[in-house]
């Protein structure tokens, strides 16, 4: 019935395309972690963020930074 006028074949191709896009999205989408989240574990980065927020003074920042750098 639908095979001769091409309607069925067109819908069939559309469904295959939808499945390929969905599977590609699942397997090739970037993961949830970013470089910014990974670098937040760095103590110097955390120290910089605290200083930028005003949680610590300039003297505390420099003292802590020097202490962290001397351990390496």
C-alpha atoms as a PDB file:
ATOM      1  CA  UNK A   1       0.000   0.000   0.000  1.00  0.00           C
ATOM      2  CA  UNK A   2       2.563   2.635   1.058  1.00  0.00           C
ATOM      3  CA  UNK A   3       5.560   0.991  -0.576  1.00  0.00           C
ATOM      4  CA  UNK A   4       4.869   2.146  -4.126  1.00  0.00           C
ATOM      5  CA  UNK A   5       4.574   5.884  -3.619  1.00  0.00           C
ATOM      6  CA  UNK A   6       7.698   6.124  -1.444  1.00  0.00           C
ATOM      7  CA  UNK A   7       5.966   7.446   1.682  1.00  0.00           C
ATOM      8  CA  UNK A   8       6.902   4.442   3.812  1.00  0.00           C
ATOM      9  CA  UNK A   9      10.553   4.500   2.737  1.00  0.00           C
ATOM     10  CA  UNK A  10      10.850   8.192   3.575  1.00  0.00           C
ATOM     11  CA  UNK A  11       9.466   7.716   7.075  1.00  0.00           C
ATOM     12  CA  UNK A  12      11.725   4.706   7.539  1.00  0.00           C
ATOM     13  CA  UNK A  13      14.806   6.822   6.766  1.00  0.00           C
ATOM     14  CA  UNK A  14      13.655   9.557   9.139  1.00  0.00           C
ATOM     15  CA  UNK A  15      13.358   7.082  12.025  1.00  0.00           C
ATOM     16  CA  UNK A  16      16.825   5.685  11.295  1.00  0.00           C
ATOM     17  CA  UNK A  17      18.214   9.220  11.307  1.00  0.00           C
ATOM     18  CA  UNK A  18      16.539   9.935  14.653  1.00  0.00           C
ATOM     19  CA  UNK A  19      18.056   6.775  16.151  1.00  0.00           C
ATOM     20  CA  UNK A  20      21.546   7.598  14.841  1.00  0.00           C
ATOM     21  CA  UNK A  21      21.382  11.115  16.265  1.00  0.00           C
ATOM     22  CA  UNK A  22      20.120   9.846  19.632  1.00  0.00           C
ATOM     23  CA  UNK A  23      22.825   7.170  19.886  1.00  0.00           C
ATOM     24  CA  UNK A  24      25.524   9.608  18.773  1.00  0.00           C
ATOM     25  CA  UNK A  25      24.396  12.069  21.406  1.00  0.00           C
ATOM     26  CA  UNK A  26      24.532   9.394  24.114  1.00  0.00           C
ATOM     27  CA  UNK A  27      27.976   8.075  23.205  1.00  0.00           C
ATOM     28  CA  UNK A  28      29.771  11.213  22.016  1.00  0.00           C
ATOM     29  CA  UNK A  29      28.386  13.927  24.298  1.00  0.00           C
ATOM     30  CA  UNK A  30      30.986  15.534  26.579  1.00  0.00           C
ATOM     31  CA  UNK A  31      31.116  14.310  30.132  1.00  0.00           C
ATOM     32  CA  UNK A  32      29.764  16.296  33.055  1.00  0.00           C
ATOM     33  CA  UNK A  33      33.139  17.271  34.498  1.00  0.00           C
ATOM     34  CA  UNK A  34      35.000  20.220  33.107  1.00  0.00           C
ATOM     35  CA  UNK A  35      38.557  21.443  33.481  1.00  0.00           C
ATOM     36  CA  UNK A  36      37.381  24.191  35.822  1.00  0.00           C
ATOM     37  CA  UNK A  37      35.884  21.628  38.219  1.00  0.00           C
ATOM     38  CA  UNK A  38      39.056  19.547  38.160  1.00  0.00           C
ATOM     39  CA  UNK A  39      41.330  22.548  38.791  1.00  0.00           C
ATOM     40  CA  UNK A  40      39.295  23.663  41.811  1.00  0.00           C
ATOM     41  CA  UNK A  41      41.013  20.939  43.834  1.00  0.00           C
ATOM     42  CA  UNK A  42      44.280  22.831  43.479  1.00  0.00           C
ATOM     43  CA  UNK A  43      44.982  24.604  46.804  1.00  0.00           C
ATOM     44  CA  UNK A  44      46.481  27.683  45.130  1.00  0.00           C
ATOM     45  CA  UNK A  45      43.347  28.086  42.997  1.00  0.00           C
ATOM     46  CA  UNK A  46      41.160  27.772  46.083  1.00  0.00           C
ATOM     47  CA  UNK A  47      43.336  30.360  47.808  1.00  0.00           C
ATOM     48  CA  UNK A  48      42.965  32.754  44.852  1.00  0.00           C
ATOM     49  CA  UNK A  49      39.190  32.343  44.894  1.00  0.00           C
ATOM     50  CA  UNK A  50      39.017  33.038  48.628  1.00  0.00           C
ATOM     51  CA  UNK A  51      41.166  36.156  48.169  1.00  0.00           C
ATOM     52  CA  UNK A  52      39.007  37.362  45.281  1.00  0.00           C
ATOM     53  CA  UNK A  53      35.854  36.928  47.378  1.00  0.00           C
ATOM     54  CA  UNK A  54      37.419  38.939  50.193  1.00  0.00           C
ATOM     55  CA  UNK A  55      37.422  36.070  52.685  1.00  0.00           C
ATOM     56  CA  UNK A  56      41.131  36.548  53.460  1.00  0.00           C
ATOM     57  CA  UNK A  57      43.383  39.590  53.516  1.00  0.00           C
ATOM     58  CA  UNK A  58      46.320  40.276  51.214  1.00  0.00           C
ATOM     59  CA  UNK A  59      48.803  39.350  53.934  1.00  0.00           C
ATOM     60  CA  UNK A  60      47.052  36.048  54.633  1.00  0.00           C
ATOM     61  CA  UNK A  61      46.933  35.312  50.912  1.00  0.00           C
ATOM     62  CA  UNK A  62      50.642  35.968  50.377  1.00  0.00           C
ATOM     63  CA  UNK A  63      51.646  34.034  53.486  1.00  0.00           C
ATOM     64  CA  UNK A  64      49.530  31.026  52.526  1.00  0.00           C
ATOM     65  CA  UNK A  65      50.681  31.153  48.897  1.00  0.00           C
ATOM     66  CA  UNK A  66      54.337  31.220  49.923  1.00  0.00           C
ATOM     67  CA  UNK A  67      53.732  28.332  52.309  1.00  0.00           C
ATOM     68  CA  UNK A  68      52.032  26.264  49.588  1.00  0.00           C
ATOM     69  CA  UNK A  69      54.744  27.014  47.033  1.00  0.00           C
ATOM     70  CA  UNK A  70      57.550  26.109  49.459  1.00  0.00           C
ATOM     71  CA  UNK A  71      56.062  22.619  49.928  1.00  0.00           C
ATOM     72  CA  UNK A  72      56.481  21.755  46.272  1.00  0.00           C
END
